[in-house]
């Protein structure tokens, strides 16, 4: 015999306007949250083609520092942004 189930959350009940307003006010303050530098890298991806000269320089940098290519590029980008002033760029 088939057991018919009803959803627990009913859409027929009305929403509290004050609760909706509090939710909307909280959404406006999301910009103040700082991103976590140690968060998993699932936000965006980038495909970056290189020419032969750039690839050789990247491999040379990896050999000098003992880092992977991705790690070297990330560290270089973060160091560059931290070292430059907004007016320098």
C-alpha atoms as a PDB file:
ATOM      1  CA  UNK A   1       0.000   0.000   0.000  1.00  0.00           C
ATOM      2  CA  UNK A   2       1.302   3.455  -0.909  1.00  0.00           C
ATOM      3  CA  UNK A   3       1.900   5.843   1.949  1.00  0.00           C
ATOM      4  CA  UNK A   4       0.977   9.383   1.004  1.00  0.00           C
ATOM      5  CA  UNK A   5       3.115  11.988   2.703  1.00  0.00           C
ATOM      6  CA  UNK A   6       2.346  15.615   3.240  1.00  0.00           C
ATOM      7  CA  UNK A   7       5.143  18.216   3.279  1.00  0.00           C
ATOM      8  CA  UNK A   8       6.067  19.401   6.770  1.00  0.00           C
ATOM      9  CA  UNK A   9       6.514  22.998   5.664  1.00  0.00           C
ATOM     10  CA  UNK A  10       3.255  24.404   4.508  1.00  0.00           C
ATOM     11  CA  UNK A  11       3.267  27.222   1.985  1.00  0.00           C
ATOM     12  CA  UNK A  12      -0.226  28.258   3.012  1.00  0.00           C
ATOM     13  CA  UNK A  13       0.885  30.043   6.175  1.00  0.00           C
ATOM     14  CA  UNK A  14       1.613  33.726   5.860  1.00  0.00           C
ATOM     15  CA  UNK A  15       5.030  35.232   6.493  1.00  0.00           C
ATOM     16  CA  UNK A  16       5.607  37.613   9.358  1.00  0.00           C
ATOM     17  CA  UNK A  17       6.388  41.046   7.816  1.00  0.00           C
ATOM     18  CA  UNK A  18       8.771  41.977  10.647  1.00  0.00           C
ATOM     19  CA  UNK A  19      10.732  38.748  10.156  1.00  0.00           C
ATOM     20  CA  UNK A  20      11.003  39.458   6.439  1.00  0.00           C
ATOM     21  CA  UNK A  21      12.236  42.987   7.158  1.00  0.00           C
ATOM     22  CA  UNK A  22      14.870  41.708   9.629  1.00  0.00           C
ATOM     23  CA  UNK A  23      16.054  39.216   7.027  1.00  0.00           C
ATOM     24  CA  UNK A  24      16.348  41.969   4.406  1.00  0.00           C
ATOM     25  CA  UNK A  25      18.303  44.212   6.782  1.00  0.00           C
ATOM     26  CA  UNK A  26      20.737  41.386   7.493  1.00  0.00           C
ATOM     27  CA  UNK A  27      21.334  40.870   3.782  1.00  0.00           C
ATOM     28  CA  UNK A  28      22.532  44.450   3.427  1.00  0.00           C
ATOM     29  CA  UNK A  29      25.351  43.894   5.940  1.00  0.00           C
ATOM     30  CA  UNK A  30      26.976  40.997   4.092  1.00  0.00           C
ATOM     31  CA  UNK A  31      29.570  43.322   2.518  1.00  0.00           C
ATOM     32  CA  UNK A  32      31.191  43.788   5.947  1.00  0.00           C
ATOM     33  CA  UNK A  33      32.190  40.116   6.135  1.00  0.00           C
ATOM     34  CA  UNK A  34      35.835  39.562   5.226  1.00  0.00           C
ATOM     35  CA  UNK A  35      36.628  36.575   2.994  1.00  0.00           C
ATOM     36  CA  UNK A  36      38.575  33.759   4.634  1.00  0.00           C
ATOM     37  CA  UNK A  37      42.093  33.481   3.147  1.00  0.00           C
ATOM     38  CA  UNK A  38      42.155  29.774   4.060  1.00  0.00           C
ATOM     39  CA  UNK A  39      38.782  28.916   2.515  1.00  0.00           C
ATOM     40  CA  UNK A  40      38.563  26.072  -0.014  1.00  0.00           C
ATOM     41  CA  UNK A  41      39.317  27.139  -3.572  1.00  0.00           C
ATOM     42  CA  UNK A  42      35.859  26.516  -5.012  1.00  0.00           C
ATOM     43  CA  UNK A  43      34.830  30.111  -5.756  1.00  0.00           C
ATOM     44  CA  UNK A  44      36.224  30.793  -9.258  1.00  0.00           C
ATOM     45  CA  UNK A  45      38.671  29.225 -11.685  1.00  0.00           C
ATOM     46  CA  UNK A  46      40.964  30.737 -14.273  1.00  0.00           C
ATOM     47  CA  UNK A  47      42.511  29.360 -17.447  1.00  0.00           C
ATOM     48  CA  UNK A  48      45.765  31.143 -18.142  1.00  0.00           C
ATOM     49  CA  UNK A  49      47.672  30.393 -21.356  1.00  0.00           C
ATOM     50  CA  UNK A  50      51.439  31.036 -21.433  1.00  0.00           C
ATOM     51  CA  UNK A  51      53.969  31.478 -24.194  1.00  0.00           C
ATOM     52  CA  UNK A  52      57.204  29.484 -24.157  1.00  0.00           C
ATOM     53  CA  UNK A  53      59.257  32.267 -22.524  1.00  0.00           C
ATOM     54  CA  UNK A  54      56.734  32.805 -19.703  1.00  0.00           C
ATOM     55  CA  UNK A  55      56.460  29.071 -19.075  1.00  0.00           C
ATOM     56  CA  UNK A  56      60.250  28.766 -18.801  1.00  0.00           C
ATOM     57  CA  UNK A  57      60.342  31.651 -16.311  1.00  0.00           C
ATOM     58  CA  UNK A  58      57.541  30.045 -14.301  1.00  0.00           C
ATOM     59  CA  UNK A  59      59.404  26.734 -14.147  1.00  0.00           C
ATOM     60  CA  UNK A  60      62.597  28.559 -13.156  1.00  0.00           C
ATOM     61  CA  UNK A  61      60.759  30.294 -10.333  1.00  0.00           C
ATOM     62  CA  UNK A  62      59.329  26.970  -9.174  1.00  0.00           C
ATOM     63  CA  UNK A  63      62.775  25.396  -9.088  1.00  0.00           C
ATOM     64  CA  UNK A  64      64.216  28.327  -7.122  1.00  0.00           C
ATOM     65  CA  UNK A  65      61.446  28.440  -4.534  1.00  0.00           C
ATOM     66  CA  UNK A  66      60.446  24.778  -4.371  1.00  0.00           C
ATOM     67  CA  UNK A  67      56.791  25.688  -4.921  1.00  0.00           C
ATOM     68  CA  UNK A  68      54.255  24.352  -7.357  1.00  0.00           C
ATOM     69  CA  UNK A  69      53.278  26.500 -10.324  1.00  0.00           C
ATOM     70  CA  UNK A  70      49.863  27.346  -8.903  1.00  0.00           C
ATOM     71  CA  UNK A  71      51.264  28.117  -5.476  1.00  0.00           C
ATOM     72  CA  UNK A  72      53.962  30.355  -6.961  1.00  0.00           C
ATOM     73  CA  UNK A  73      51.394  32.267  -9.021  1.00  0.00           C
ATOM     74  CA  UNK A  74      49.070  32.707  -6.029  1.00  0.00           C
ATOM     75  CA  UNK A  75      51.878  33.900  -3.756  1.00  0.00           C
ATOM     76  CA  UNK A  76      53.208  36.283  -6.396  1.00  0.00           C
ATOM     77  CA  UNK A  77      49.746  37.759  -6.962  1.00  0.00           C
ATOM     78  CA  UNK A  78      49.095  38.226  -3.240  1.00  0.00           C
ATOM     79  CA  UNK A  79      52.553  39.739  -2.673  1.00  0.00           C
ATOM     80  CA  UNK A  80      52.105  42.118  -5.601  1.00  0.00           C
ATOM     81  CA  UNK A  81      48.698  43.326  -4.447  1.00  0.00           C
ATOM     82  CA  UNK A  82      49.846  43.743  -0.844  1.00  0.00           C
ATOM     83  CA  UNK A  83      53.018  45.599  -1.889  1.00  0.00           C
ATOM     84  CA  UNK A  84      51.358  48.075  -4.228  1.00  0.00           C
ATOM     85  CA  UNK A  85      49.303  51.038  -3.182  1.00  0.00           C
ATOM     86  CA  UNK A  86      45.918  51.697  -4.783  1.00  0.00           C
ATOM     87  CA  UNK A  87      47.403  54.736  -6.527  1.00  0.00           C
ATOM     88  CA  UNK A  88      50.310  52.738  -7.999  1.00  0.00           C
ATOM     89  CA  UNK A  89      48.204  50.412 -10.101  1.00  0.00           C
END
